[in-house]
C-alpha atoms as a PDB file:
ATOM      1  CA  MET A   1     150.680  37.323 -51.834  1.00  0.00           C
ATOM      2  CA  ARG A   2     147.295  38.173 -53.357  1.00  0.00           C
ATOM      3  CA  CYS A   3     145.322  41.420 -53.174  1.00  0.00           C
ATOM      4  CA  PRO A   4     142.386  41.001 -50.774  1.00  0.00           C
ATOM      5  CA  ILE A   5     140.245  43.268 -52.970  1.00  0.00           C
ATOM      6  CA  ASP A   6     140.660  41.908 -56.508  1.00  0.00           C
ATOM      7  CA  GLY A   7     142.884  38.834 -56.102  1.00  0.00           C
ATOM      8  CA  SER A   8     145.757  39.999 -58.318  1.00  0.00           C
ATOM      9  CA  ALA A   9     149.376  39.534 -57.267  1.00  0.00           C
ATOM     10  CA  LEU A  10     150.768  42.233 -54.974  1.00  0.00           C
ATOM     11  CA  VAL A  11     153.993  43.991 -55.921  1.00  0.00           C
ATOM     12  CA  ILE A  12     156.637  44.825 -53.321  1.00  0.00           C
ATOM     13  CA  THR A  13     158.530  48.073 -53.765  1.00  0.00           C
ATOM     14  CA  ASP A  14     161.001  50.031 -51.670  1.00  0.00           C
ATOM     15  CA  ARG A  15     160.139  53.667 -51.043  1.00  0.00           C
ATOM     16  CA  SER A  16     162.490  55.677 -48.840  1.00  0.00           C
ATOM     17  CA  GLY A  17     163.674  52.575 -47.038  1.00  0.00           C
ATOM     18  CA  VAL A  18     160.151  51.244 -46.390  1.00  0.00           C
ATOM     19  CA  GLU A  19     158.923  48.119 -48.170  1.00  0.00           C
ATOM     20  CA  ILE A  20     155.401  48.647 -49.434  1.00  0.00           C
ATOM     21  CA  ASP A  21     153.051  46.004 -50.833  1.00  0.00           C
ATOM     22  CA  TYR A  22     150.674  47.420 -53.424  1.00  0.00           C
ATOM     23  CA  CYS A  23     148.225  46.185 -56.023  1.00  0.00           C
ATOM     24  CA  PRO A  24     148.896  47.463 -59.550  1.00  0.00           C
ATOM     25  CA  GLN A  25     145.230  46.905 -60.486  1.00  0.00           C
ATOM     26  CA  CYS A  26     143.264  48.644 -57.711  1.00  0.00           C
ATOM     27  CA  ARG A  27     146.278  50.621 -56.387  1.00  0.00           C
ATOM     28  CA  GLY A  28     145.593  49.475 -52.830  1.00  0.00           C
ATOM     29  CA  VAL A  29     148.537  49.761 -50.425  1.00  0.00           C
ATOM     30  CA  TRP A  30     149.279  47.386 -47.553  1.00  0.00           C
ATOM     31  CA  LEU A  31     151.861  47.982 -44.857  1.00  0.00           C
ATOM     32  CA  ASP A  32     153.435  45.403 -42.571  1.00  0.00           C
ATOM     33  CA  ARG A  33     153.946  45.895 -38.849  1.00  0.00           C
ATOM     34  CA  GLY A  34     156.303  48.804 -38.156  1.00  0.00           C
ATOM     35  CA  GLU A  35     156.178  50.258 -41.670  1.00  0.00           C
ATOM     36  CA  LEU A  36     153.586  52.862 -40.731  1.00  0.00           C
ATOM     37  CA  ASP A  37     155.792  53.897 -37.791  1.00  0.00           C
ATOM     38  CA  LYS A  38     158.721  54.383 -40.183  1.00  0.00           C
ATOM     39  CA  ILE A  39     156.565  56.551 -42.454  1.00  0.00           C
ATOM     40  CA  ILE A  40     155.395  58.640 -39.490  1.00  0.00           C
ATOM     41  CA  ASP A  41     159.000  59.090 -38.303  1.00  0.00           C
ATOM     42  CA  ARG A  42     160.016  60.298 -41.755  1.00  0.00           C
ATOM     43  CA  SER A  43     157.089  62.722 -41.866  1.00  0.00           C
ATOM     44  CA  ALA A  44     158.297  64.387 -38.664  1.00  0.00           C
ATOM     45  CA  SER A  45     161.569  65.244 -40.392  1.00  0.00           C
ATOM     46  CA  TYR A  46     159.792  66.604 -43.477  1.00  0.00           C
ATOM     47  CA  SER A  47     159.950  70.365 -43.747  1.00  0.00           C
ATOM     48  CA  ALA A  48     157.127  72.113 -45.542  1.00  0.00           C
ATOM     49  CA  PRO A  49     158.009  74.368 -48.480  1.00  0.00           C
ATOM     50  CA  PRO A  50     158.100  78.101 -47.746  1.00  0.00           C
ATOM     51  CA  PRO A  51     154.857  79.984 -48.353  1.00  0.00           C
ATOM     52  CA  PRO A  52     154.513  81.812 -51.674  1.00  0.00           C
ATOM     53  CA  PRO A  53     155.284  85.535 -51.684  1.00  0.00           C
ATOM     54  CA  GLN A  54     152.337  87.806 -50.961  1.00  0.00           C
ATOM     55  CA  HIS A  55     151.127  89.929 -53.868  1.00  0.00           C
ATOM     56  CA  SER A  56     149.942  93.438 -53.303  1.00  0.00           C
ATOM     57  CA  ARG A  57     146.375  94.367 -54.189  1.00  0.00           C
ATOM     58  CA  ASP A  58     147.761  96.646 -56.919  1.00  0.00           C
ATOM     59  CA  ASP A  59     149.049  93.632 -58.858  1.00  0.00           C
ATOM     60  CA  ARG A  60     146.214  93.085 -61.325  1.00  0.00           C
ATOM     61  CA  SER A  61     148.065  90.804 -63.713  1.00  0.00           C
ATOM     62  CA  ASP A  62     146.051  87.784 -62.571  1.00  0.00           C
ATOM     63  CA  HIS A  63     142.698  89.666 -62.527  1.00  0.00           C
ATOM     64  CA  GLY A  64     141.778  88.003 -59.260  1.00  0.00           C
ATOM     65  CA  TYR A  65     141.828  84.510 -60.733  1.00  0.00           C
ATOM     66  CA  ARG A  66     144.397  82.235 -59.207  1.00  0.00           C
ATOM     67  CA  LYS A  67     144.477  78.486 -59.279  1.00  0.00           C
ATOM     68  CA  LYS A  68     145.132  76.885 -55.951  1.00  0.00           C
ATOM     69  CA  LYS A  69     148.174  74.680 -56.095  1.00  0.00           C
ATOM     70  CA  LYS A  70     148.139  71.392 -54.239  1.00  0.00           C
ATOM     71  CA  ARG A  71     150.839  71.299 -51.651  1.00  0.00           C
ATOM     72  CA  GLY A  72     152.865  68.139 -52.008  1.00  0.00           C
ATOM     73  CA  GLY A  73     154.216  66.164 -49.137  1.00  0.00           C
ATOM     74  CA  PHE A  74     156.385  63.175 -48.535  1.00  0.00           C
ATOM     75  CA  LEU A  75     153.459  60.819 -49.206  1.00  0.00           C
ATOM     76  CA  ASP A  76     153.155  62.121 -52.776  1.00  0.00           C
ATOM     77  CA  GLU A  77     156.737  61.061 -53.323  1.00  0.00           C
ATOM     78  CA  LEU A  78     156.221  57.788 -51.478  1.00  0.00           C
ATOM     79  CA  PHE A  79     153.129  56.568 -53.337  1.00  0.00           C
ATOM     80  CA  ASP A  80     153.822  57.642 -56.942  1.00  0.00           C
ATOM     81  CA  PHE A  81     153.648  54.200 -58.550  1.00  0.00           C
END
């Protein structure tokens, strides 16, 4: 099967029991009928990580500068080609 965007050959991979067609060139992802439903079902069983501990205002070790960390989810694990 060819990528509808750039015409290169699609690669089929298995991620968490779901077959995913993706293009290694443009990184487009195509799902067949029912695959999105499987992904949604798996997301319902995903439990979010616990929130980070709260720091008191007296803790000045970070001087008020904190980087926000991206919260990962099951899709990060699913689409890490």
